[in-house]
Protein backbone atom coordinates (compact mmCIF):
# COMPACT_ATOMS: atom_id res chain seq x y z
CA MET A 1 25.24 27.75 22.92
CA ASP A 2 22.14 25.25 22.79
CA ARG A 3 22.34 21.40 23.43
CA ASP A 4 18.59 20.97 23.16
CA ILE A 5 18.60 17.17 21.40
CA HIS A 6 17.60 14.72 23.99
CA THR A 7 14.68 12.56 22.45
CA VAL A 8 13.59 11.34 18.71
CA ASP A 9 11.34 14.06 19.13
CA ASP A 10 13.54 16.63 19.73
CA VAL A 11 15.50 15.59 16.28
CA LEU A 12 12.50 15.35 14.45
CA ARG A 13 11.02 19.23 15.38
CA LEU A 14 14.82 20.13 14.43
CA MET A 15 14.59 18.30 11.18
CA ASP A 16 10.89 20.00 10.77
CA SER A 17 12.58 23.33 11.04
CA LEU A 18 14.85 22.63 7.63
CA PHE A 19 11.83 22.83 5.63
CA ALA A 20 10.53 26.43 6.65
CA PRO A 21 7.92 28.09 5.32
CA ASP A 22 6.77 24.55 4.36
CA ALA A 23 6.73 23.44 8.07
CA ASP A 24 3.43 25.05 8.25
CA ARG A 25 1.89 22.46 5.88
CA TRP A 26 2.37 19.45 8.67
CA THR A 27 2.80 21.64 11.73
CA ALA A 28 0.11 23.46 13.56
CA GLY A 29 -0.10 26.93 14.31
CA ALA A 30 -1.51 30.40 13.78
CA GLY A 31 -2.16 31.18 10.22
CA SER A 32 -1.54 28.15 8.83
CA TRP A 33 -0.75 27.84 4.74
CA TRP A 34 -3.91 25.31 4.56
CA ASP A 35 -5.99 28.23 6.43
CA GLY A 36 -5.32 30.23 3.00
CA PHE A 37 -5.92 27.52 0.52
CA TYR A 38 -9.15 26.36 2.23
CA ALA A 39 -10.36 29.99 2.24
CA ASP A 40 -11.95 30.42 -1.47
CA ARG A 41 -14.14 27.30 -1.81
CA ASP A 42 -14.61 28.32 -4.85
CA ARG A 43 -11.61 27.29 -5.92
CA PRO A 44 -11.08 24.87 -8.45
CA VAL A 45 -9.61 22.47 -6.73
CA PRO A 46 -10.51 18.63 -7.33
CA PHE A 47 -11.03 17.62 -3.38
CA PHE A 48 -13.00 20.22 -2.56
CA VAL A 49 -16.05 18.45 -4.11
CA ALA A 50 -18.53 16.78 -1.52
CA LYS A 51 -18.21 13.45 -2.99
CA PRO A 52 -15.93 10.21 -1.60
CA ASP A 53 -13.06 8.49 -3.19
CA GLU A 54 -14.44 6.06 -5.42
CA ASN A 55 -11.88 3.35 -3.61
CA LEU A 56 -13.40 3.73 0.11
CA VAL A 57 -16.89 3.41 -1.41
CA SER A 58 -15.74 0.47 -2.79
CA TYR A 59 -14.17 -0.83 0.16
CA THR A 60 -17.56 -0.85 2.05
CA GLU A 61 -19.85 -1.89 -0.43
CA ARG A 62 -17.72 -4.99 -0.96
CA GLY A 63 -17.66 -5.57 2.52
CA THR A 64 -13.92 -5.61 3.02
CA VAL A 65 -14.31 -2.45 5.54
CA ALA A 66 -17.21 -2.89 7.86
CA PRO A 67 -18.90 -0.21 10.03
CA GLY A 68 -16.69 0.71 13.46
CA ARG A 69 -14.32 3.32 14.43
CA ALA A 70 -12.64 5.33 11.79
CA LEU A 71 -9.83 7.86 12.04
CA ASP A 72 -9.75 10.13 8.83
CA LEU A 73 -6.24 12.07 9.10
CA GLY A 74 -6.21 15.22 7.53
CA CYS A 75 -9.96 15.31 6.29
CA GLY A 76 -9.94 18.93 4.93
CA PRO A 77 -13.73 19.91 4.00
CA GLY A 78 -15.03 16.50 5.48
CA ARG A 79 -16.14 14.47 2.43
CA ASN A 80 -14.96 11.01 2.96
CA ALA A 81 -15.75 11.70 6.82
CA ILE A 82 -19.28 12.35 6.10
CA HIS A 83 -19.75 9.23 4.00
CA LEU A 84 -18.29 6.58 6.67
CA ALA A 85 -20.39 8.53 9.12
CA SER A 86 -23.65 7.97 7.07
CA LEU A 87 -22.96 4.58 6.70
CA GLY A 88 -22.83 3.83 10.42
CA PHE A 89 -18.98 4.42 11.39
CA GLU A 90 -18.16 6.59 14.54
CA VAL A 91 -15.41 9.13 13.11
CA ASP A 92 -12.88 11.23 14.27
CA ALA A 93 -11.74 13.37 11.66
CA VAL A 94 -8.69 15.88 12.34
CA ASP A 95 -7.20 18.50 10.15
CA LEU A 96 -4.44 21.38 10.61
CA SER A 97 -7.00 23.97 8.98
CA GLY A 98 -9.41 25.49 11.25
CA SER A 99 -10.66 26.73 8.00
CA ALA A 100 -11.18 23.27 6.62
CA ILE A 101 -12.80 22.11 10.02
CA ALA A 102 -15.15 24.84 10.07
CA TRP A 103 -16.17 23.75 6.58
CA ALA A 104 -16.42 19.96 7.33
CA GLU A 105 -18.63 20.96 10.36
CA GLU A 106 -21.21 22.99 8.09
CA ARG A 107 -21.39 19.98 5.73
CA ALA A 108 -21.35 17.33 8.40
CA ARG A 109 -24.83 19.29 9.48
CA GLU A 110 -26.38 19.66 6.13
CA ALA A 111 -25.95 16.15 5.59
CA GLY A 112 -27.62 14.90 9.04
CA VAL A 113 -24.49 13.52 10.37
CA GLY A 114 -23.08 16.04 12.60
CA ASP A 115 -23.66 14.22 15.70
CA ALA A 116 -21.68 11.22 14.09
CA VAL A 117 -18.21 13.02 13.34
CA ARG A 118 -15.95 14.63 15.90
CA PHE A 119 -13.85 17.19 14.19
CA HIS A 120 -10.69 17.95 15.51
CA HIS A 121 -8.46 21.35 14.63
CA GLY A 122 -4.83 20.36 15.20
CA ASN A 123 -1.74 17.84 14.57
CA ALA A 124 -2.56 14.32 14.76
CA PHE A 125 0.85 13.34 15.98
CA ASP A 126 0.08 15.58 18.67
CA LEU A 127 -3.66 15.19 19.05
CA ALA A 128 -2.91 11.00 19.24
CA ALA A 129 -2.22 11.22 22.95
CA THR A 130 -5.13 13.34 23.75
CA GLU A 131 -8.15 13.80 21.70
CA LEU A 132 -7.44 10.80 19.41
CA ALA A 133 -8.26 7.55 21.50
CA GLY A 134 -7.62 4.48 19.59
CA PRO A 135 -8.16 1.66 18.66
CA TYR A 136 -9.64 2.60 15.52
CA ASP A 137 -11.01 -0.09 12.51
CA LEU A 138 -10.22 2.00 9.94
CA VAL A 139 -7.72 4.81 9.89
CA HIS A 140 -7.89 6.51 6.58
CA ASP A 141 -5.83 9.15 4.54
CA SER A 142 -6.36 10.94 1.11
CA GLY A 143 -3.97 13.35 0.85
CA CYS A 144 -1.97 13.74 4.14
CA PHE A 145 0.67 11.59 3.92
CA HIS A 146 2.02 12.77 0.64
CA HIS A 147 2.63 16.15 2.33
CA LEU A 148 4.68 14.51 5.15
CA PRO A 149 8.85 15.10 4.74
CA PRO A 150 10.57 11.99 4.78
CA HIS A 151 11.69 11.96 8.81
CA ARG A 152 7.94 12.61 9.52
CA ARG A 153 6.76 8.99 8.05
CA VAL A 154 8.66 7.75 11.47
CA SER A 155 5.75 9.67 13.64
CA TYR A 156 3.14 8.27 10.99
CA LEU A 157 4.08 5.05 11.36
CA ALA A 158 4.38 5.07 15.22
CA LEU A 159 1.01 6.79 14.83
CA LEU A 160 -0.84 3.78 13.13
CA ASP A 161 0.73 1.52 15.54
CA ASN A 162 -0.89 3.15 18.50
CA CYS A 163 -4.39 3.67 16.80
CA LEU A 164 -5.14 0.78 14.43
CA ALA A 165 -6.79 -1.78 16.06
CA PRO A 166 -5.86 -5.47 15.11
CA GLY A 167 -7.64 -6.79 12.45
CA GLY A 168 -8.24 -3.31 11.33
CA HIS A 169 -7.78 -1.61 8.05
CA PHE A 170 -5.54 1.33 6.77
CA ALA A 171 -6.83 3.02 3.47
CA LEU A 172 -4.43 5.55 1.54
CA SER A 173 -4.69 7.63 -1.49
CA CYS A 174 -1.54 9.60 -2.11
CA PHE A 175 0.31 11.08 -5.33
CA ALA A 176 1.69 8.47 -7.95
CA ALA A 177 5.35 8.96 -9.49
CA GLY A 178 4.56 9.51 -12.85
CA GLU A 179 1.35 10.46 -13.25
CA ALA A 180 1.34 12.82 -10.46
CA CYS A 181 4.34 14.55 -11.67
CA ALA A 182 3.13 14.39 -15.23
CA ALA A 183 -0.19 16.65 -13.96
CA GLY A 184 2.36 18.91 -12.29
CA MET A 185 1.59 17.24 -8.54
CA GLY A 186 3.89 15.45 -6.70
CA SER A 187 7.86 15.50 -6.70
CA GLU A 188 9.92 12.53 -7.79
CA LEU A 189 12.88 13.14 -5.90
CA SER A 190 14.99 11.01 -3.39
CA ASP A 191 14.42 11.78 0.41
CA ALA A 192 17.88 12.97 0.81
CA ALA A 193 17.25 15.80 -2.06
CA PHE A 194 14.01 17.18 -0.09
CA TYR A 195 16.98 18.00 2.83
CA GLU A 196 19.41 19.65 0.30
CA ARG A 197 16.34 21.87 -1.14
CA GLY A 198 14.64 22.66 2.08
CA GLY A 199 11.40 22.41 0.51
CA LEU A 200 8.82 19.45 -0.41
CA GLN A 201 8.06 20.49 -4.05
CA GLY A 202 4.18 20.26 -3.72
CA GLY A 203 4.20 17.03 -1.83
CA LEU A 204 6.16 13.84 -2.35
CA ALA A 205 5.18 10.89 -5.28
CA TYR A 206 5.39 7.10 -4.58
CA THR A 207 5.53 3.97 -6.40
CA PRO A 208 3.93 1.03 -5.15
CA ASP A 209 7.34 -0.72 -4.19
CA ALA A 210 7.90 2.33 -1.82
CA LEU A 211 4.23 2.04 -0.25
CA ARG A 212 4.93 -1.80 0.17
CA ARG A 213 8.49 -0.98 2.05
CA ILE A 214 6.96 1.86 4.12
CA PHE A 215 3.75 0.02 5.71
CA SER A 216 5.65 -3.40 5.21
CA GLY A 217 4.53 -4.15 8.86
CA LEU A 218 0.70 -4.31 7.15
CA THR A 219 -0.74 -7.09 5.12
CA GLU A 220 -2.00 -5.76 1.86
CA VAL A 221 -5.30 -6.18 0.61
CA GLU A 222 -5.16 -3.72 -2.38
CA LEU A 223 -3.04 -1.37 -4.11
CA ARG A 224 -4.04 0.19 -7.65
CA ARG A 225 -4.53 3.59 -9.33
CA MET A 226 -7.64 5.50 -8.38
CA ARG A 227 -9.75 5.36 -11.06
CA ASP A 228 -10.87 8.75 -12.98
CA GLU A 229 -14.33 9.43 -12.28
CA PRO A 230 -16.29 11.62 -14.20
CA SER A 231 -17.34 15.25 -13.32
CA ASP A 232 -21.11 13.90 -13.08
CA SER A 233 -20.11 10.51 -10.88
CA PRO A 234 -20.99 10.63 -7.24
CA PHE A 235 -17.73 9.66 -6.41
CA PHE A 236 -14.48 11.55 -6.41
CA GLY A 237 -11.64 10.29 -8.53
CA GLU A 238 -8.42 10.88 -10.11
CA PRO A 239 -5.74 9.02 -11.96
CA PHE A 240 -2.66 10.59 -10.60
CA LEU A 241 -3.32 9.20 -7.09
CA TRP A 242 -2.53 5.41 -5.71
CA THR A 243 -5.27 3.92 -3.78
CA ALA A 244 -4.00 1.13 -1.05
CA LEU A 245 -5.80 -0.71 1.66
CA PHE A 246 -3.70 -2.93 4.34
CA ARG A 247 -4.57 -4.78 7.34
CA ARG A 248 -3.21 -4.89 10.76
CA ASP A 249 -2.71 -8.78 11.92
CA THR A 250 -4.64 -9.78 14.78
CA GLY A 251 -2.01 -11.92 15.85
CA ASN A 252 -3.80 -15.09 15.40
CA ASP A 253 -3.03 -14.63 11.48
CA GLY A 254 -1.23 -17.42 9.64
């Protein structure tokens, strides 16, 4: 008879197991689901393009976010990490998929920023205590958060608390309730329903109010729908995503 639950991490790992085999989408290990996803680089996947998110470009062009140290969570083939490096950011980028990391490293070398981005293969929750040494002036996430089960929001918020510098910014793009579901991406099931069904249904869709509640410890700078960018645009933009920018207080605010 096992009685192995002693810590919060033990509880989280137990809850991870309720989502097998979906758990391979956010826990590190050989044969990650994402390796197969990234194996065919010619697949018609919107975010395989070598273009940065339009909202991220907007933040830097307006001067809302200035160059500094950046952490890109779930970096995939590196399109946003490479863009940040081209602007003078010192970037750490992490992804569960070794295939995605290899592709990102190739792209970074081709873009001439290979020395400005450190790519990490693994789980950001595990690497935060070792390789991902904050504080970061910007933590960026385009498409990672909405693939986490509800209980892993606890880990995610702890990661932000540990890594985001006072006065730093957190930029997020995630599935939008309504639009994403209509496009066949993202589920509007309640948190409890995901545990009842034992799967993530392709990802979790969020409302603006839900995002504001989850990240209530940060100050909202902007929360809007991502702009729909045409195929010939130099930027990536899909209207089934929310984009949000939050700022961590310096301790002297207000």
